[in-house]
């Protein structure tokens, strides 16, 4: 499915207004102290994914996808907090990521003209996150799903790219 910036904007605004008694989806937040914690959790999780990738464990495919996804989740939460918002839900994190970090086409062109293309967070990265979120859920809850080595490597590589991109954004 093609990335739809307007869909992410609508969903972001809807989730920002939606609160439950004990849960929120997206809210404004000034809790910037959490950014370092999420960066640490994300980078530590990816280090664990590297260790799992090098191991010979029989359950490594399951854990690899799950750990890669959570490393992406923590860094996404850090980037969202840097923008002044906090998320409390996996899908809300994806929505906030798509709305807050993927610029409009005109903004992309402006950044390219200024030779600041490293600041662009492409919609591909949101798709990497969505893919890892779905695969993580399937790998945890579906006993019948068998993961091919190629698919595990793909999720791992997408997580690596995603994390590298977010580290650049978070270091600005």
N, C-alpha and C. Protein backbone atom coordinates (compact mmCIF):
# COMPACT_ATOMS: atom_id res chain seq x y z
N UNK A 1 0.84 -1.18 0.00
CA UNK A 1 0.00 0.00 0.00
C UNK A 1 0.88 1.25 0.00
N UNK A 2 0.56 2.22 -0.82
CA UNK A 2 1.32 3.46 -0.90
C UNK A 2 1.13 4.29 0.36
N UNK A 3 2.18 4.97 0.74
CA UNK A 3 2.13 5.80 1.93
C UNK A 3 1.19 6.99 1.68
N UNK A 4 0.28 7.24 2.61
CA UNK A 4 -0.69 8.32 2.48
C UNK A 4 -0.50 9.28 3.65
N UNK A 5 0.19 10.37 3.40
CA UNK A 5 0.50 11.35 4.44
C UNK A 5 -0.77 11.90 5.08
N UNK A 6 -1.80 12.12 4.30
CA UNK A 6 -3.06 12.65 4.84
C UNK A 6 -3.73 11.66 5.80
N UNK A 7 -3.65 10.38 5.49
CA UNK A 7 -4.19 9.35 6.39
C UNK A 7 -3.48 9.43 7.74
N UNK A 8 -2.16 9.54 7.72
CA UNK A 8 -1.40 9.61 8.96
C UNK A 8 -1.74 10.88 9.74
N UNK A 9 -1.96 11.96 9.04
CA UNK A 9 -2.33 13.22 9.72
C UNK A 9 -3.70 13.07 10.40
N UNK A 10 -4.68 12.53 9.67
CA UNK A 10 -6.02 12.35 10.24
C UNK A 10 -5.99 11.41 11.45
N UNK A 11 -5.29 10.30 11.30
CA UNK A 11 -5.21 9.34 12.40
C UNK A 11 -4.46 9.93 13.59
N UNK A 12 -3.42 10.72 13.34
CA UNK A 12 -2.67 11.37 14.41
C UNK A 12 -3.60 12.29 15.20
N UNK A 13 -4.33 13.12 14.49
CA UNK A 13 -5.24 14.06 15.15
C UNK A 13 -6.34 13.32 15.92
N UNK A 14 -6.85 12.24 15.36
CA UNK A 14 -7.88 11.44 16.04
C UNK A 14 -7.32 10.81 17.32
N UNK A 15 -6.16 10.21 17.23
CA UNK A 15 -5.56 9.55 18.39
C UNK A 15 -5.11 10.56 19.45
N UNK A 16 -4.75 11.75 19.03
CA UNK A 16 -4.37 12.80 19.97
C UNK A 16 -5.56 13.21 20.84
N UNK A 17 -6.75 13.14 20.27
CA UNK A 17 -7.97 13.52 20.99
C UNK A 17 -8.57 12.35 21.79
N UNK A 18 -8.14 11.13 21.50
CA UNK A 18 -8.72 9.95 22.12
C UNK A 18 -7.98 9.59 23.40
N UNK A 19 -8.70 9.59 24.50
CA UNK A 19 -8.13 9.15 25.77
C UNK A 19 -9.10 8.20 26.43
N UNK A 20 -8.54 7.24 27.12
CA UNK A 20 -9.34 6.33 27.92
C UNK A 20 -8.96 6.54 29.38
N UNK A 21 -9.70 5.94 30.25
CA UNK A 21 -9.49 6.12 31.68
C UNK A 21 -8.04 5.84 32.10
N UNK A 22 -7.47 4.76 31.61
CA UNK A 22 -6.12 4.39 32.03
C UNK A 22 -5.11 4.41 30.89
N UNK A 23 -5.48 4.89 29.73
CA UNK A 23 -4.60 4.81 28.57
C UNK A 23 -4.76 6.03 27.69
N UNK A 24 -3.67 6.41 27.08
CA UNK A 24 -3.70 7.41 26.03
C UNK A 24 -3.06 6.77 24.80
N UNK A 25 -3.26 7.36 23.66
CA UNK A 25 -2.60 6.87 22.45
C UNK A 25 -1.44 7.79 22.09
N UNK A 26 -1.77 9.07 21.91
CA UNK A 26 -0.77 10.10 21.63
C UNK A 26 -1.12 11.30 22.48
N UNK A 27 -0.11 11.90 23.09
CA UNK A 27 -0.35 13.13 23.85
C UNK A 27 0.88 14.02 23.75
N UNK A 28 0.65 15.30 23.95
CA UNK A 28 1.76 16.24 24.01
C UNK A 28 2.58 15.88 25.23
N UNK A 29 3.89 16.05 25.13
CA UNK A 29 4.75 15.69 26.25
C UNK A 29 6.03 16.51 26.23
N UNK A 30 6.43 16.91 27.39
CA UNK A 30 7.71 17.60 27.57
C UNK A 30 8.70 16.72 28.31
N UNK A 31 8.41 15.43 28.42
CA UNK A 31 9.26 14.50 29.17
C UNK A 31 10.49 14.11 28.37
N UNK A 32 11.32 15.09 28.05
CA UNK A 32 12.49 14.83 27.21
C UNK A 32 13.52 13.93 27.89
N UNK A 33 13.44 13.80 29.20
CA UNK A 33 14.37 12.90 29.90
C UNK A 33 14.21 11.46 29.42
N UNK A 34 13.05 11.12 28.88
CA UNK A 34 12.79 9.77 28.42
C UNK A 34 13.51 9.47 27.10
N UNK A 35 13.90 10.50 26.36
CA UNK A 35 14.54 10.29 25.06
C UNK A 35 15.78 9.43 25.21
N UNK A 36 16.66 9.79 26.14
CA UNK A 36 17.90 9.02 26.33
C UNK A 36 17.60 7.57 26.73
N UNK A 37 16.58 7.39 27.56
CA UNK A 37 16.20 6.05 27.98
C UNK A 37 15.73 5.22 26.78
N UNK A 38 14.90 5.81 25.92
CA UNK A 38 14.43 5.08 24.74
C UNK A 38 15.58 4.80 23.76
N UNK A 39 16.49 5.75 23.59
CA UNK A 39 17.64 5.52 22.72
C UNK A 39 18.47 4.35 23.25
N UNK A 40 18.71 4.33 24.55
CA UNK A 40 19.48 3.24 25.15
C UNK A 40 18.77 1.91 24.99
N UNK A 41 17.47 1.87 25.27
CA UNK A 41 16.72 0.63 25.12
C UNK A 41 16.75 0.15 23.66
N UNK A 42 16.62 1.09 22.73
CA UNK A 42 16.62 0.73 21.31
C UNK A 42 17.97 0.22 20.84
N UNK A 43 19.04 0.91 21.21
CA UNK A 43 20.37 0.47 20.77
C UNK A 43 20.78 -0.81 21.48
N UNK A 44 20.44 -0.95 22.76
CA UNK A 44 20.73 -2.20 23.47
C UNK A 44 19.96 -3.36 22.84
N UNK A 45 18.71 -3.13 22.47
CA UNK A 45 17.92 -4.18 21.84
C UNK A 45 18.54 -4.59 20.50
N UNK A 46 19.04 -3.62 19.74
CA UNK A 46 19.64 -3.97 18.45
C UNK A 46 20.96 -4.71 18.65
N UNK A 47 21.70 -4.37 19.69
CA UNK A 47 22.90 -5.15 20.01
C UNK A 47 22.52 -6.60 20.32
N UNK A 48 21.43 -6.78 21.03
CA UNK A 48 20.94 -8.13 21.31
C UNK A 48 20.56 -8.84 20.01
N UNK A 49 19.93 -8.11 19.09
CA UNK A 49 19.57 -8.69 17.79
C UNK A 49 20.84 -9.14 17.05
N UNK A 50 21.90 -8.35 17.13
CA UNK A 50 23.17 -8.76 16.51
C UNK A 50 23.69 -10.05 17.14
N UNK A 51 23.60 -10.15 18.45
CA UNK A 51 24.04 -11.36 19.15
C UNK A 51 23.20 -12.56 18.72
N UNK A 52 21.89 -12.37 18.67
CA UNK A 52 20.99 -13.45 18.26
C UNK A 52 21.30 -13.87 16.82
N UNK A 53 21.56 -12.90 15.97
CA UNK A 53 21.86 -13.17 14.56
C UNK A 53 23.10 -14.06 14.44
N UNK A 54 24.06 -13.87 15.32
CA UNK A 54 25.31 -14.65 15.27
C UNK A 54 25.20 -16.00 15.97
N UNK A 55 24.09 -16.24 16.66
CA UNK A 55 23.96 -17.48 17.43
C UNK A 55 23.40 -18.61 16.57
N UNK A 56 23.46 -19.80 17.13
CA UNK A 56 22.94 -20.98 16.44
C UNK A 56 21.64 -21.47 17.09
N UNK A 57 20.99 -20.64 17.87
CA UNK A 57 19.80 -21.05 18.60
C UNK A 57 18.66 -21.38 17.64
N UNK A 58 17.89 -22.38 17.98
CA UNK A 58 16.79 -22.79 17.10
C UNK A 58 15.65 -21.79 17.07
N UNK A 59 15.49 -21.02 18.13
CA UNK A 59 14.40 -20.04 18.19
C UNK A 59 14.85 -18.67 17.73
N UNK A 60 15.99 -18.59 17.08
CA UNK A 60 16.54 -17.28 16.76
C UNK A 60 15.66 -16.45 15.82
N UNK A 61 14.96 -17.06 14.88
CA UNK A 61 14.14 -16.29 13.95
C UNK A 61 13.03 -15.56 14.70
N UNK A 62 12.37 -16.26 15.61
CA UNK A 62 11.32 -15.65 16.41
C UNK A 62 11.88 -14.46 17.20
N UNK A 63 12.97 -14.69 17.89
CA UNK A 63 13.53 -13.62 18.72
C UNK A 63 14.12 -12.50 17.89
N UNK A 64 14.71 -12.82 16.77
CA UNK A 64 15.32 -11.81 15.92
C UNK A 64 14.29 -10.78 15.47
N UNK A 65 13.17 -11.24 14.99
CA UNK A 65 12.13 -10.33 14.52
C UNK A 65 11.58 -9.51 15.68
N UNK A 66 11.31 -10.15 16.80
CA UNK A 66 10.76 -9.46 17.96
C UNK A 66 11.72 -8.40 18.49
N UNK A 67 12.98 -8.76 18.65
CA UNK A 67 13.97 -7.81 19.19
C UNK A 67 14.22 -6.68 18.19
N UNK A 68 14.28 -6.97 16.92
CA UNK A 68 14.45 -5.91 15.91
C UNK A 68 13.29 -4.93 15.98
N UNK A 69 12.08 -5.46 16.07
CA UNK A 69 10.92 -4.58 16.14
C UNK A 69 11.00 -3.68 17.38
N UNK A 70 11.30 -4.25 18.53
CA UNK A 70 11.34 -3.43 19.74
C UNK A 70 12.48 -2.41 19.70
N UNK A 71 13.58 -2.72 19.07
CA UNK A 71 14.64 -1.71 18.93
C UNK A 71 14.13 -0.55 18.09
N UNK A 72 13.36 -0.84 17.05
CA UNK A 72 12.77 0.21 16.23
C UNK A 72 11.73 1.00 17.01
N UNK A 73 10.91 0.30 17.79
CA UNK A 73 9.86 0.94 18.58
C UNK A 73 10.45 1.96 19.56
N UNK A 74 11.48 1.56 20.30
CA UNK A 74 12.08 2.46 21.29
C UNK A 74 12.68 3.71 20.64
N UNK A 75 13.37 3.54 19.52
CA UNK A 75 13.94 4.71 18.86
C UNK A 75 12.87 5.58 18.23
N UNK A 76 11.79 4.98 17.75
CA UNK A 76 10.67 5.76 17.22
C UNK A 76 10.05 6.59 18.35
N UNK A 77 9.88 5.99 19.52
CA UNK A 77 9.34 6.73 20.67
C UNK A 77 10.24 7.90 21.05
N UNK A 78 11.56 7.71 20.97
CA UNK A 78 12.50 8.79 21.26
C UNK A 78 12.34 9.92 20.25
N UNK A 79 12.25 9.60 18.98
CA UNK A 79 12.10 10.62 17.94
C UNK A 79 10.78 11.37 18.08
N UNK A 80 9.73 10.67 18.45
CA UNK A 80 8.41 11.29 18.65
C UNK A 80 8.46 12.22 19.86
N UNK A 81 9.12 11.79 20.92
CA UNK A 81 9.28 12.66 22.10
C UNK A 81 10.07 13.92 21.76
N UNK A 82 11.06 13.77 20.90
CA UNK A 82 11.84 14.94 20.47
C UNK A 82 10.95 15.96 19.75
N UNK A 83 9.89 15.48 19.14
CA UNK A 83 8.93 16.37 18.47
C UNK A 83 7.86 16.90 19.42
N UNK A 84 7.92 16.50 20.71
CA UNK A 84 6.99 17.03 21.71
C UNK A 84 5.76 16.19 21.98
N UNK A 85 5.79 14.93 21.55
CA UNK A 85 4.65 14.03 21.75
C UNK A 85 5.13 12.72 22.35
N UNK A 86 4.19 12.01 22.95
CA UNK A 86 4.48 10.71 23.53
C UNK A 86 3.40 9.74 23.08
N UNK A 87 3.78 8.49 22.83
CA UNK A 87 2.80 7.49 22.42
C UNK A 87 2.77 6.36 23.45
N UNK A 88 1.61 5.69 23.52
CA UNK A 88 1.42 4.62 24.48
C UNK A 88 0.80 3.40 23.81
N UNK A 89 1.07 3.23 22.53
CA UNK A 89 0.43 2.17 21.77
C UNK A 89 1.30 1.93 20.53
N UNK A 90 1.41 0.69 20.10
CA UNK A 90 2.25 0.36 18.95
C UNK A 90 1.76 1.02 17.67
N UNK A 91 0.48 0.90 17.38
CA UNK A 91 -0.05 1.51 16.17
C UNK A 91 0.01 3.04 16.26
N UNK A 92 -0.26 3.60 17.45
CA UNK A 92 -0.17 5.05 17.62
C UNK A 92 1.25 5.53 17.35
N UNK A 93 2.24 4.72 17.73
CA UNK A 93 3.64 5.08 17.46
C UNK A 93 3.87 5.13 15.96
N UNK A 94 3.35 4.16 15.24
CA UNK A 94 3.49 4.16 13.78
C UNK A 94 2.81 5.39 13.17
N UNK A 95 1.62 5.71 13.66
CA UNK A 95 0.88 6.87 13.14
C UNK A 95 1.66 8.15 13.42
N UNK A 96 2.15 8.32 14.65
CA UNK A 96 2.91 9.52 15.00
C UNK A 96 4.18 9.62 14.18
N UNK A 97 4.83 8.50 13.95
CA UNK A 97 6.04 8.46 13.14
C UNK A 97 5.75 8.96 11.73
N UNK A 98 4.69 8.43 11.14
CA UNK A 98 4.32 8.83 9.78
C UNK A 98 3.91 10.28 9.68
N UNK A 99 3.23 10.78 10.70
CA UNK A 99 2.77 12.17 10.68
C UNK A 99 3.88 13.16 11.02
N UNK A 100 4.66 12.87 12.04
CA UNK A 100 5.64 13.83 12.55
C UNK A 100 6.98 13.81 11.83
N UNK A 101 7.35 12.69 11.25
CA UNK A 101 8.70 12.59 10.69
C UNK A 101 8.77 12.48 9.18
N UNK A 102 7.68 12.19 8.51
CA UNK A 102 7.71 12.15 7.05
C UNK A 102 7.26 13.51 6.55
N UNK A 103 8.16 14.25 5.92
CA UNK A 103 7.78 15.59 5.45
C UNK A 103 6.91 15.54 4.20
N UNK A 104 6.29 16.67 3.93
CA UNK A 104 5.52 16.81 2.69
C UNK A 104 6.48 16.90 1.51
N UNK A 105 5.98 16.67 0.32
CA UNK A 105 6.83 16.69 -0.87
C UNK A 105 7.56 18.02 -1.03
N UNK A 106 6.87 19.13 -0.80
CA UNK A 106 7.52 20.44 -0.94
C UNK A 106 8.67 20.56 0.04
N UNK A 107 8.47 20.08 1.28
CA UNK A 107 9.53 20.12 2.27
C UNK A 107 10.72 19.27 1.83
N UNK A 108 10.44 18.11 1.22
CA UNK A 108 11.53 17.27 0.73
C UNK A 108 12.35 18.01 -0.32
N UNK A 109 11.65 18.67 -1.25
CA UNK A 109 12.36 19.42 -2.29
C UNK A 109 13.19 20.53 -1.69
N UNK A 110 12.65 21.24 -0.71
CA UNK A 110 13.40 22.31 -0.05
C UNK A 110 14.64 21.76 0.63
N UNK A 111 14.52 20.65 1.30
CA UNK A 111 15.67 20.05 1.98
C UNK A 111 16.73 19.62 0.97
N UNK A 112 16.30 19.07 -0.14
CA UNK A 112 17.25 18.66 -1.16
C UNK A 112 17.99 19.87 -1.72
N UNK A 113 17.27 20.97 -1.94
CA UNK A 113 17.91 22.19 -2.43
C UNK A 113 18.95 22.71 -1.45
N UNK A 114 18.69 22.53 -0.18
CA UNK A 114 19.62 22.98 0.85
C UNK A 114 20.69 21.93 1.16
N UNK A 115 20.71 20.86 0.39
CA UNK A 115 21.65 19.76 0.58
C UNK A 115 21.58 19.19 1.99
N UNK A 116 20.36 19.09 2.51
CA UNK A 116 20.16 18.52 3.84
C UNK A 116 19.33 17.25 3.73
N UNK A 117 19.58 16.48 2.71
CA UNK A 117 18.76 15.30 2.48
C UNK A 117 18.90 14.28 3.60
N UNK A 118 19.96 14.34 4.37
CA UNK A 118 20.10 13.39 5.47
C UNK A 118 19.03 13.58 6.53
N UNK A 119 18.34 14.72 6.52
CA UNK A 119 17.30 14.99 7.50
C UNK A 119 15.94 14.44 7.07
N UNK A 120 15.84 13.97 5.85
CA UNK A 120 14.56 13.47 5.35
C UNK A 120 14.29 12.09 5.91
N UNK A 121 13.13 11.92 6.47
CA UNK A 121 12.70 10.61 6.96
C UNK A 121 11.71 10.09 5.95
N UNK A 122 12.16 9.23 5.06
CA UNK A 122 11.33 8.75 3.96
C UNK A 122 10.18 7.88 4.47
N UNK A 123 9.13 7.82 3.68
CA UNK A 123 8.00 6.96 4.04
C UNK A 123 8.40 5.49 4.07
N UNK A 124 9.50 5.12 3.40
CA UNK A 124 9.98 3.74 3.46
C UNK A 124 10.26 3.32 4.90
N UNK A 125 10.75 4.24 5.71
CA UNK A 125 11.10 3.90 7.09
C UNK A 125 9.85 3.62 7.92
N UNK A 126 8.76 4.31 7.61
CA UNK A 126 7.49 4.01 8.29
C UNK A 126 7.03 2.63 7.86
N UNK A 127 7.22 2.30 6.58
CA UNK A 127 6.85 0.96 6.10
C UNK A 127 7.72 -0.11 6.76
N UNK A 128 9.00 0.17 6.98
CA UNK A 128 9.87 -0.78 7.69
C UNK A 128 9.30 -1.04 9.09
N UNK A 129 8.89 0.05 9.76
CA UNK A 129 8.35 -0.07 11.11
C UNK A 129 7.05 -0.88 11.09
N UNK A 130 6.16 -0.55 10.15
CA UNK A 130 4.88 -1.27 10.05
C UNK A 130 5.11 -2.75 9.77
N UNK A 131 6.01 -3.05 8.87
CA UNK A 131 6.32 -4.43 8.53
C UNK A 131 6.86 -5.18 9.75
N UNK A 132 7.79 -4.57 10.47
CA UNK A 132 8.36 -5.22 11.65
C UNK A 132 7.31 -5.39 12.74
N UNK A 133 6.42 -4.40 12.89
CA UNK A 133 5.35 -4.51 13.90
C UNK A 133 4.47 -5.71 13.60
N UNK A 134 4.07 -5.86 12.34
CA UNK A 134 3.21 -6.98 11.96
C UNK A 134 3.93 -8.31 12.09
N UNK A 135 5.17 -8.38 11.62
CA UNK A 135 5.93 -9.62 11.70
C UNK A 135 6.21 -10.01 13.15
N UNK A 136 6.46 -9.03 14.00
CA UNK A 136 6.72 -9.31 15.41
C UNK A 136 5.49 -9.93 16.05
N UNK A 137 4.35 -9.38 15.74
CA UNK A 137 3.11 -9.92 16.29
C UNK A 137 2.87 -11.35 15.81
N UNK A 138 3.05 -11.59 14.53
CA UNK A 138 2.85 -12.93 13.98
C UNK A 138 3.85 -13.90 14.59
N UNK A 139 5.12 -13.48 14.72
CA UNK A 139 6.13 -14.39 15.25
C UNK A 139 5.88 -14.74 16.71
N UNK A 140 5.25 -13.83 17.46
CA UNK A 140 4.97 -14.10 18.88
C UNK A 140 3.72 -14.95 19.06
N UNK A 141 2.71 -14.75 18.24
CA UNK A 141 1.40 -15.34 18.52
C UNK A 141 0.96 -16.44 17.57
N UNK A 142 1.71 -16.69 16.53
CA UNK A 142 1.31 -17.72 15.57
C UNK A 142 2.32 -18.86 15.59
N UNK A 143 1.91 -20.00 16.11
CA UNK A 143 2.81 -21.14 16.20
C UNK A 143 3.04 -21.80 14.85
N UNK A 144 2.22 -21.51 13.86
CA UNK A 144 2.32 -22.18 12.57
C UNK A 144 3.19 -21.42 11.57
N UNK A 145 3.49 -20.18 11.85
CA UNK A 145 4.28 -19.38 10.91
C UNK A 145 5.74 -19.83 10.94
N UNK A 146 6.30 -20.12 9.79
CA UNK A 146 7.70 -20.49 9.69
C UNK A 146 8.41 -19.36 8.95
N UNK A 147 9.47 -18.87 9.55
CA UNK A 147 10.18 -17.75 8.95
C UNK A 147 11.36 -18.24 8.15
N UNK A 148 11.46 -17.77 6.93
CA UNK A 148 12.60 -18.12 6.11
C UNK A 148 13.79 -17.26 6.54
N UNK A 149 14.96 -17.77 6.27
CA UNK A 149 16.17 -17.02 6.62
C UNK A 149 16.20 -15.68 5.89
N UNK A 150 15.74 -15.66 4.64
CA UNK A 150 15.72 -14.42 3.87
C UNK A 150 14.83 -13.37 4.54
N UNK A 151 13.67 -13.77 5.02
CA UNK A 151 12.73 -12.83 5.64
C UNK A 151 13.31 -12.27 6.94
N UNK A 152 13.93 -13.11 7.72
CA UNK A 152 14.55 -12.66 8.97
C UNK A 152 15.66 -11.66 8.66
N UNK A 153 16.46 -11.95 7.65
CA UNK A 153 17.55 -11.04 7.26
C UNK A 153 16.97 -9.70 6.78
N UNK A 154 15.86 -9.77 6.07
CA UNK A 154 15.21 -8.54 5.57
C UNK A 154 14.73 -7.66 6.73
N UNK A 155 14.08 -8.27 7.71
CA UNK A 155 13.61 -7.51 8.87
C UNK A 155 14.81 -6.93 9.62
N UNK A 156 15.86 -7.72 9.79
CA UNK A 156 17.06 -7.26 10.48
C UNK A 156 17.69 -6.08 9.73
N UNK A 157 17.81 -6.18 8.42
CA UNK A 157 18.42 -5.10 7.63
C UNK A 157 17.56 -3.83 7.66
N UNK A 158 16.24 -3.99 7.58
CA UNK A 158 15.35 -2.84 7.68
C UNK A 158 15.47 -2.18 9.04
N UNK A 159 15.58 -2.98 10.10
CA UNK A 159 15.76 -2.42 11.44
C UNK A 159 17.07 -1.66 11.52
N UNK A 160 18.12 -2.22 10.93
CA UNK A 160 19.43 -1.54 10.94
C UNK A 160 19.35 -0.17 10.26
N UNK A 161 18.70 -0.12 9.09
CA UNK A 161 18.54 1.15 8.36
C UNK A 161 17.69 2.13 9.16
N UNK A 162 16.59 1.64 9.72
CA UNK A 162 15.67 2.46 10.50
C UNK A 162 16.39 3.08 11.69
N UNK A 163 17.12 2.26 12.41
CA UNK A 163 17.83 2.74 13.60
C UNK A 163 18.91 3.75 13.21
N UNK A 164 19.64 3.48 12.16
CA UNK A 164 20.68 4.41 11.70
C UNK A 164 20.06 5.76 11.34
N UNK A 165 18.93 5.74 10.66
CA UNK A 165 18.26 6.98 10.25
C UNK A 165 17.78 7.75 11.48
N UNK A 166 17.17 7.04 12.41
CA UNK A 166 16.66 7.73 13.61
C UNK A 166 17.80 8.27 14.47
N UNK A 167 18.92 7.58 14.51
CA UNK A 167 20.07 8.09 15.30
C UNK A 167 20.54 9.43 14.72
N UNK A 168 20.54 9.55 13.40
CA UNK A 168 20.91 10.83 12.77
C UNK A 168 19.93 11.92 13.17
N UNK A 169 18.65 11.62 13.12
CA UNK A 169 17.60 12.59 13.49
C UNK A 169 17.73 12.96 14.96
N UNK A 170 17.95 12.00 15.81
CA UNK A 170 18.00 12.26 17.26
C UNK A 170 19.27 13.00 17.68
N UNK A 171 20.32 12.93 16.88
CA UNK A 171 21.57 13.61 17.23
C UNK A 171 21.58 15.07 16.77
N UNK A 172 20.59 15.49 16.01
CA UNK A 172 20.54 16.88 15.53
C UNK A 172 20.30 17.83 16.67
